[in-house]
């Protein structure tokens, strides 16, 4: 589990946050990366 503080820059974003959700670090040390893209129908995450 990745512990960090989220900074909300636009108050409208707060309505999208799930209170019990936690940040999770997926990768580190990337020189360049895209993603992630979540596909709910297949319940999988693509990271490139």
PDB file of N, CA and C in Angstrom:
ATOM      1  N   UNK A   1       0.855  -1.180   0.000  1.00  0.00           N
ATOM      2  CA  UNK A   1       0.000   0.000   0.000  1.00  0.00           C
ATOM      3  C   UNK A   1       0.891   1.229   0.000  1.00  0.00           C
ATOM      4  N   UNK A   2       0.557   2.178  -0.825  1.00  0.00           N
ATOM      5  CA  UNK A   2       1.313   3.416  -0.968  1.00  0.00           C
ATOM      6  C   UNK A   2       0.621   4.498  -0.165  1.00  0.00           C
ATOM      7  N   UNK A   3       1.329   5.093   0.764  1.00  0.00           N
ATOM      8  CA  UNK A   3       0.750   6.155   1.588  1.00  0.00           C
ATOM      9  C   UNK A   3       1.243   7.504   1.087  1.00  0.00           C
ATOM     10  N   UNK A   4       0.314   8.344   0.709  1.00  0.00           N
ATOM     11  CA  UNK A   4       0.648   9.687   0.260  1.00  0.00           C
ATOM     12  C   UNK A   4      -0.584  10.553   0.461  1.00  0.00           C
ATOM     13  N   UNK A   5      -0.397  11.833   0.328  1.00  0.00           N
ATOM     14  CA  UNK A   5      -1.497  12.771   0.476  1.00  0.00           C
ATOM     15  C   UNK A   5      -1.944  13.219  -0.908  1.00  0.00           C
ATOM     16  N   UNK A   6      -3.220  13.114  -1.169  1.00  0.00           N
ATOM     17  CA  UNK A   6      -3.771  13.599  -2.435  1.00  0.00           C
ATOM     18  C   UNK A   6      -4.117  15.071  -2.275  1.00  0.00           C
ATOM     19  N   UNK A   7      -3.782  15.855  -3.265  1.00  0.00           N
ATOM     20  CA  UNK A   7      -4.091  17.281  -3.254  1.00  0.00           C
ATOM     21  C   UNK A   7      -5.196  17.525  -4.272  1.00  0.00           C
ATOM     22  N   UNK A   8      -6.318  18.012  -3.799  1.00  0.00           N
ATOM     23  CA  UNK A   8      -7.450  18.306  -4.676  1.00  0.00           C
ATOM     24  C   UNK A   8      -7.327  19.754  -5.135  1.00  0.00           C
ATOM     25  N   UNK A   9      -7.173  19.940  -6.441  1.00  0.00           N
ATOM     26  CA  UNK A   9      -7.022  21.279  -7.011  1.00  0.00           C
ATOM     27  C   UNK A   9      -8.358  21.887  -7.420  1.00  0.00           C
ATOM     28  N   UNK A  10      -9.347  21.054  -7.653  1.00  0.00           N
ATOM     29  CA  UNK A  10     -10.677  21.512  -8.051  1.00  0.00           C
ATOM     30  C   UNK A  10     -11.681  20.805  -7.147  1.00  0.00           C
ATOM     31  N   UNK A  11     -12.421  21.547  -6.365  1.00  0.00           N
ATOM     32  CA  UNK A  11     -13.345  20.972  -5.385  1.00  0.00           C
ATOM     33  C   UNK A  11     -14.388  20.055  -6.019  1.00  0.00           C
ATOM     34  N   UNK A  12     -14.698  20.219  -7.299  1.00  0.00           N
ATOM     35  CA  UNK A  12     -15.662  19.339  -7.969  1.00  0.00           C
ATOM     36  C   UNK A  12     -15.167  17.898  -8.011  1.00  0.00           C
ATOM     37  N   UNK A  13     -13.857  17.719  -7.894  1.00  0.00           N
ATOM     38  CA  UNK A  13     -13.271  16.377  -7.919  1.00  0.00           C
ATOM     39  C   UNK A  13     -13.669  15.551  -6.697  1.00  0.00           C
ATOM     40  N   UNK A  14     -13.919  16.206  -5.583  1.00  0.00           N
ATOM     41  CA  UNK A  14     -14.238  15.491  -4.335  1.00  0.00           C
ATOM     42  C   UNK A  14     -15.448  14.568  -4.475  1.00  0.00           C
ATOM     43  N   UNK A  15     -16.397  14.913  -5.317  1.00  0.00           N
ATOM     44  CA  UNK A  15     -17.583  14.052  -5.468  1.00  0.00           C
ATOM     45  C   UNK A  15     -17.255  12.742  -6.182  1.00  0.00           C
ATOM     46  N   UNK A  16     -16.087  12.644  -6.781  1.00  0.00           N
ATOM     47  CA  UNK A  16     -15.670  11.431  -7.487  1.00  0.00           C
ATOM     48  C   UNK A  16     -14.821  10.503  -6.626  1.00  0.00           C
ATOM     49  N   UNK A  17     -14.412  10.979  -5.466  1.00  0.00           N
ATOM     50  CA  UNK A  17     -13.513  10.209  -4.601  1.00  0.00           C
ATOM     51  C   UNK A  17     -14.311   9.238  -3.737  1.00  0.00           C
ATOM     52  N   UNK A  18     -13.861   8.000  -3.689  1.00  0.00           N
ATOM     53  CA  UNK A  18     -14.439   7.001  -2.792  1.00  0.00           C
ATOM     54  C   UNK A  18     -13.653   7.085  -1.490  1.00  0.00           C
ATOM     55  N   UNK A  19     -14.334   7.403  -0.414  1.00  0.00           N
ATOM     56  CA  UNK A  19     -13.673   7.661   0.862  1.00  0.00           C
ATOM     57  C   UNK A  19     -12.809   6.529   1.384  1.00  0.00           C
ATOM     58  N   UNK A  20     -13.180   5.293   1.110  1.00  0.00           N
ATOM     59  CA  UNK A  20     -12.413   4.156   1.624  1.00  0.00           C
ATOM     60  C   UNK A  20     -11.281   3.736   0.683  1.00  0.00           C
ATOM     61  N   UNK A  21     -11.188   4.368  -0.486  1.00  0.00           N
ATOM     62  CA  UNK A  21     -10.147   4.006  -1.460  1.00  0.00           C
ATOM     63  C   UNK A  21      -8.769   4.422  -0.950  1.00  0.00           C
ATOM     64  N   UNK A  22      -7.760   3.647  -1.297  1.00  0.00           N
ATOM     65  CA  UNK A  22      -6.377   3.934  -0.910  1.00  0.00           C
ATOM     66  C   UNK A  22      -5.510   3.970  -2.155  1.00  0.00           C
ATOM     67  N   UNK A  23      -4.490   4.808  -2.132  1.00  0.00           N
ATOM     68  CA  UNK A  23      -3.538   4.865  -3.237  1.00  0.00           C
ATOM     69  C   UNK A  23      -2.664   3.622  -3.233  1.00  0.00           C
ATOM     70  N   UNK A  24      -2.362   3.116  -4.404  1.00  0.00           N
ATOM     71  CA  UNK A  24      -1.470   1.966  -4.533  1.00  0.00           C
ATOM     72  C   UNK A  24      -0.464   2.259  -5.635  1.00  0.00           C
ATOM     73  N   UNK A  25       0.819   2.195  -5.296  1.00  0.00           N
ATOM     74  CA  UNK A  25       1.863   2.445  -6.285  1.00  0.00           C
ATOM     75  C   UNK A  25       1.961   1.239  -7.208  1.00  0.00           C
ATOM     76  N   UNK A  26       1.771   1.465  -8.509  1.00  0.00           N
ATOM     77  CA  UNK A  26       1.808   0.383  -9.486  1.00  0.00           C
ATOM     78  C   UNK A  26       3.206   0.163 -10.035  1.00  0.00           C
ATOM     79  N   UNK A  27       3.987   1.217 -10.133  1.00  0.00           N
ATOM     80  CA  UNK A  27       5.332   1.117 -10.707  1.00  0.00           C
ATOM     81  C   UNK A  27       6.143   2.320 -10.258  1.00  0.00           C
ATOM     82  N   UNK A  28       7.446   2.206 -10.388  1.00  0.00           N
ATOM     83  CA  UNK A  28       8.321   3.340 -10.118  1.00  0.00           C
ATOM     84  C   UNK A  28       9.568   3.202 -10.976  1.00  0.00           C
ATOM     85  N   UNK A  29      10.269   4.285 -11.152  1.00  0.00           N
ATOM     86  CA  UNK A  29      11.498   4.255 -11.926  1.00  0.00           C
ATOM     87  C   UNK A  29      11.290   4.294 -13.427  1.00  0.00           C
ATOM     88  N   UNK A  30      10.071   4.563 -13.873  1.00  0.00           N
ATOM     89  CA  UNK A  30       9.801   4.625 -15.315  1.00  0.00           C
ATOM     90  C   UNK A  30      10.404   5.910 -15.883  1.00  0.00           C
ATOM     91  N   UNK A  31      11.083   5.782 -16.993  1.00  0.00           N
ATOM     92  CA  UNK A  31      11.588   6.979 -17.669  1.00  0.00           C
ATOM     93  C   UNK A  31      10.474   7.630 -18.464  1.00  0.00           C
ATOM     94  N   UNK A  32       9.543   6.820 -18.955  1.00  0.00           N
ATOM     95  CA  UNK A  32       8.384   7.313 -19.697  1.00  0.00           C
ATOM     96  C   UNK A  32       7.326   6.220 -19.652  1.00  0.00           C
ATOM     97  N   UNK A  33       6.095   6.598 -19.400  1.00  0.00           N
ATOM     98  CA  UNK A  33       5.026   5.601 -19.331  1.00  0.00           C
ATOM     99  C   UNK A  33       3.691   6.243 -19.679  1.00  0.00           C
ATOM    100  N   UNK A  34       2.791   5.449 -20.204  1.00  0.00           N
ATOM    101  CA  UNK A  34       1.407   5.845 -20.435  1.00  0.00           C
ATOM    102  C   UNK A  34       0.536   5.026 -19.497  1.00  0.00           C
ATOM    103  N   UNK A  35      -0.708   5.415 -19.437  1.00  0.00           N
ATOM    104  CA  UNK A  35      -1.646   4.610 -18.682  1.00  0.00           C
ATOM    105  C   UNK A  35      -1.706   5.046 -17.238  1.00  0.00           C
ATOM    106  N   UNK A  36      -2.378   4.345 -16.427  1.00  0.00           N
ATOM    107  CA  UNK A  36      -3.064   3.093 -16.700  1.00  0.00           C
ATOM    108  C   UNK A  36      -4.426   3.314 -17.369  1.00  0.00           C
ATOM    109  N   UNK A  37      -4.942   2.253 -17.962  1.00  0.00           N
ATOM    110  CA  UNK A  37      -6.286   2.260 -18.536  1.00  0.00           C
ATOM    111  C   UNK A  37      -7.030   1.055 -17.964  1.00  0.00           C
ATOM    112  N   UNK A  38      -8.147   1.312 -17.308  1.00  0.00           N
ATOM    113  CA  UNK A  38      -8.928   0.248 -16.680  1.00  0.00           C
ATOM    114  C   UNK A  38     -10.086  -0.146 -17.591  1.00  0.00           C
ATOM    115  N   UNK A  39     -10.284  -1.446 -17.770  1.00  0.00           N
ATOM    116  CA  UNK A  39     -11.371  -1.986 -18.575  1.00  0.00           C
ATOM    117  C   UNK A  39     -12.330  -2.727 -17.645  1.00  0.00           C
ATOM    118  N   UNK A  40     -13.402  -2.043 -17.201  1.00  0.00           N
ATOM    119  CA  UNK A  40     -14.292  -2.649 -16.210  1.00  0.00           C
ATOM    120  C   UNK A  40     -14.993  -3.915 -16.680  1.00  0.00           C
ATOM    121  N   UNK A  41     -15.293  -4.033 -17.966  1.00  0.00           N
ATOM    122  CA  UNK A  41     -15.980  -5.237 -18.455  1.00  0.00           C
ATOM    123  C   UNK A  41     -15.126  -6.481 -18.225  1.00  0.00           C
ATOM    124  N   UNK A  42     -13.825  -6.359 -18.409  1.00  0.00           N
ATOM    125  CA  UNK A  42     -12.918  -7.483 -18.191  1.00  0.00           C
ATOM    126  C   UNK A  42     -12.263  -7.463 -16.825  1.00  0.00           C
ATOM    127  N   UNK A  43     -12.488  -6.382 -16.065  1.00  0.00           N
ATOM    128  CA  UNK A  43     -11.905  -6.185 -14.734  1.00  0.00           C
ATOM    129  C   UNK A  43     -10.387  -6.307 -14.767  1.00  0.00           C
ATOM    130  N   UNK A  44      -9.753  -5.610 -15.737  1.00  0.00           N
ATOM    131  CA  UNK A  44      -8.293  -5.618 -15.801  1.00  0.00           C
ATOM    132  C   UNK A  44      -7.762  -4.229 -16.116  1.00  0.00           C
ATOM    133  N   UNK A  45      -6.499  -4.044 -15.798  1.00  0.00           N
ATOM    134  CA  UNK A  45      -5.794  -2.783 -15.956  1.00  0.00           C
ATOM    135  C   UNK A  45      -4.660  -2.986 -16.941  1.00  0.00           C
ATOM    136  N   UNK A  46      -4.516  -2.063 -17.894  1.00  0.00           N
ATOM    137  CA  UNK A  46      -3.419  -2.114 -18.860  1.00  0.00           C
ATOM    138  C   UNK A  46      -2.483  -0.961 -18.548  1.00  0.00           C
ATOM    139  N   UNK A  47      -1.219  -1.261 -18.462  1.00  0.00           N
ATOM    140  CA  UNK A  47      -0.184  -0.259 -18.193  1.00  0.00           C
ATOM    141  C   UNK A  47       0.850  -0.371 -19.289  1.00  0.00           C
ATOM    142  N   UNK A  48       1.181   0.746 -19.904  1.00  0.00           N
ATOM    143  CA  UNK A  48       2.221   0.697 -20.938  1.00  0.00           C
ATOM    144  C   UNK A  48       3.254   1.772 -20.707  1.00  0.00           C
TER     145      UNK A  48
END
